[in-house]
Amino acid sequence: MVKNCNLPEDLHYLVERHVWVRQEGDLVTIGMTDVAQNLAKTIISVTLKKAGKEVRKGRNVATVESGKWVGPVPAPVSGEIVEVNEALTSSPSLINSDPYGAGWVAKLRPGDWAADSADLATGAAGIEAYHRFLDAEGISCDG
């Protein structure tokens, strides 16, 4: 826990954009962090890109809307979208209740994981980097 935010050490993070990535074989799963769902509050809508679409690093794989915010979920790595979480269409609040599980957003087949993931934060150093960012921005997940 960092400032009351759940940030698992085994994930890769695009810290400034509050997106996580989990490597699973030749695919990666992408989602919004606990920090993101905390800042957004109740998520009311998720618009997903289509499976089969190529996406460049930094381009969005989905658009998320809450009562406070509308914004993209950027791809932390380039690749092909192989699956999107269709459950979010009818139950967007899964991102709020289970951001690292049932609330995942998309699965990609990365084009070059080694190169694209080099600037992602992970492990203890990644959690420390996220902690510094939250401190600098005055963000916490106190509810």
Protein backbone atom coordinates (compact mmCIF):
# COMPACT_ATOMS: atom_id res chain seq x y z
CA MET A 1 0.00 0.00 0.00
CA VAL A 2 1.31 3.42 -0.97
CA LYS A 3 -0.64 6.36 0.47
CA ASN A 4 -3.59 3.96 0.91
CA CYS A 5 -3.39 2.97 -2.78
CA ASN A 6 -3.10 -0.70 -3.72
CA LEU A 7 -0.04 -0.96 -6.02
CA PRO A 8 1.09 -4.59 -6.50
CA GLU A 9 4.86 -4.85 -6.87
CA ASP A 10 4.67 -7.53 -9.61
CA LEU A 11 3.11 -5.20 -12.21
CA HIS A 12 4.67 -2.70 -14.62
CA TYR A 13 3.34 0.87 -14.36
CA LEU A 14 3.04 3.86 -16.63
CA VAL A 15 3.07 6.02 -13.51
CA GLU A 16 2.04 9.43 -14.89
CA ARG A 17 -0.94 7.90 -16.69
CA HIS A 18 -2.02 5.51 -13.86
CA VAL A 19 -1.98 2.43 -16.08
CA TRP A 20 -0.67 -1.04 -15.19
CA VAL A 21 0.59 -3.92 -17.34
CA ARG A 22 0.93 -7.60 -16.44
CA GLN A 23 3.02 -9.85 -18.67
CA GLU A 24 1.26 -13.19 -19.26
CA GLY A 25 3.18 -15.38 -21.70
CA ASP A 26 3.29 -13.67 -25.10
CA LEU A 27 0.45 -11.31 -24.14
CA VAL A 28 0.15 -8.38 -21.75
CA THR A 29 -2.95 -7.35 -19.82
CA ILE A 30 -3.57 -3.62 -19.33
CA GLY A 31 -5.74 -1.85 -16.80
CA MET A 32 -6.21 1.28 -14.70
CA THR A 33 -4.50 1.45 -11.32
CA ASP A 34 -6.19 1.77 -7.95
CA VAL A 35 -4.94 5.37 -8.01
CA ALA A 36 -6.79 6.04 -11.30
CA GLN A 37 -10.08 4.57 -10.15
CA ASN A 38 -9.77 6.50 -6.87
CA LEU A 39 -9.23 9.79 -8.71
CA ALA A 40 -12.02 9.10 -11.22
CA LYS A 41 -14.51 7.96 -8.56
CA THR A 42 -17.45 5.92 -9.89
CA ILE A 43 -16.79 4.80 -13.47
CA ILE A 44 -20.01 5.05 -15.49
CA SER A 45 -18.90 4.16 -19.02
CA VAL A 46 -16.07 2.35 -20.83
CA THR A 47 -15.65 2.51 -24.61
CA LEU A 48 -13.29 -0.22 -25.81
CA LYS A 49 -11.25 -0.36 -29.01
CA LYS A 50 -11.88 -3.43 -31.16
CA ALA A 51 -9.83 -6.62 -30.93
CA GLY A 52 -7.55 -7.07 -33.94
CA LYS A 53 -6.59 -3.38 -33.98
CA GLU A 54 -2.92 -2.36 -33.86
CA VAL A 55 -2.19 0.28 -31.26
CA ARG A 56 0.98 2.33 -30.78
CA LYS A 57 2.46 2.96 -27.37
CA GLY A 58 0.71 5.96 -25.82
CA ARG A 59 -2.43 5.63 -27.97
CA ASN A 60 -5.64 4.66 -26.22
CA VAL A 61 -7.06 1.15 -25.92
CA ALA A 62 -10.22 2.48 -24.26
CA THR A 63 -11.95 5.64 -23.11
CA VAL A 64 -13.29 5.74 -19.57
CA GLU A 65 -15.90 8.12 -18.19
CA SER A 66 -16.83 8.88 -14.61
CA GLY A 67 -18.94 11.63 -13.11
CA LYS A 68 -15.73 13.66 -12.68
CA TRP A 69 -13.61 12.75 -15.67
CA VAL A 70 -13.42 11.42 -19.23
CA GLY A 71 -10.11 10.16 -20.51
CA PRO A 72 -8.12 7.57 -22.36
CA VAL A 73 -6.53 4.38 -21.11
CA PRO A 74 -3.23 4.57 -23.03
CA ALA A 75 -1.34 1.50 -24.20
CA PRO A 76 1.95 1.33 -22.25
CA VAL A 77 3.42 -0.75 -25.11
CA SER A 78 2.73 -1.05 -28.84
CA GLY A 79 0.99 -4.13 -30.16
CA GLU A 80 -2.17 -5.77 -31.42
CA ILE A 81 -5.29 -5.76 -29.26
CA VAL A 82 -6.21 -9.45 -29.00
CA GLU A 83 -9.00 -9.16 -26.44
CA VAL A 84 -10.99 -6.45 -24.67
CA ASN A 85 -12.92 -6.84 -21.44
CA GLU A 86 -16.49 -6.81 -22.77
CA ALA A 87 -17.80 -7.09 -19.18
CA LEU A 88 -16.84 -3.42 -18.71
CA THR A 89 -19.48 -2.38 -21.25
CA SER A 90 -22.31 -3.48 -18.96
CA SER A 91 -20.40 -3.25 -15.64
CA PRO A 92 -17.91 -0.36 -15.91
CA SER A 93 -17.62 -0.19 -12.11
CA LEU A 94 -15.55 -3.42 -12.19
CA ILE A 95 -12.63 -1.02 -12.61
CA ASN A 96 -13.56 0.53 -9.25
CA SER A 97 -14.16 -2.72 -7.38
CA ASP A 98 -11.37 -4.88 -8.85
CA PRO A 99 -8.88 -2.81 -10.92
CA TYR A 100 -6.24 -5.60 -11.07
CA GLY A 101 -8.65 -8.50 -11.59
CA ALA A 102 -12.10 -8.42 -13.17
CA GLY A 103 -11.61 -4.74 -14.08
CA TRP A 104 -8.79 -5.28 -16.59
CA VAL A 105 -9.28 -3.34 -19.84
CA ALA A 106 -7.44 -5.01 -22.75
CA LYS A 107 -4.97 -7.72 -23.70
CA LEU A 108 -2.26 -6.95 -26.26
CA ARG A 109 0.28 -8.99 -28.17
CA PRO A 110 3.25 -6.60 -27.82
CA GLY A 111 5.39 -5.87 -30.86
CA ASP A 112 8.61 -5.37 -28.86
CA TRP A 113 8.04 -5.89 -25.13
CA ALA A 114 11.72 -5.53 -24.20
CA ALA A 115 12.10 -2.13 -25.86
CA ASP A 116 8.64 -0.75 -25.03
CA SER A 117 8.67 -1.84 -21.37
CA ALA A 118 12.11 -0.39 -20.62
CA ASP A 119 10.63 2.90 -19.35
CA LEU A 120 7.86 1.31 -17.27
CA ALA A 121 8.23 1.25 -13.49
CA THR A 122 8.19 -2.17 -11.79
CA GLY A 123 9.20 -3.96 -8.62
CA ALA A 124 10.26 -2.14 -5.47
CA ALA A 125 11.85 0.65 -7.53
CA GLY A 126 8.60 1.07 -9.45
CA ILE A 127 6.55 1.34 -6.28
CA GLU A 128 9.04 3.90 -4.94
CA ALA A 129 8.76 5.90 -8.19
CA TYR A 130 4.97 5.83 -7.91
CA HIS A 131 5.21 6.92 -4.25
CA ARG A 132 7.37 9.92 -5.26
CA PHE A 133 4.87 10.83 -7.99
CA LEU A 134 1.90 10.63 -5.59
CA ASP A 135 3.78 12.76 -3.05
CA ALA A 136 4.68 15.37 -5.68
CA GLU A 137 1.08 15.53 -6.93
CA GLY A 138 -0.50 15.43 -3.45
CA ILE A 139 -2.50 12.30 -4.33
CA SER A 140 -3.65 9.61 -1.92
CA CYS A 141 -6.39 6.95 -1.95
CA ASP A 142 -8.04 7.90 1.34
CA GLY A 143 -11.51 7.54 -0.14
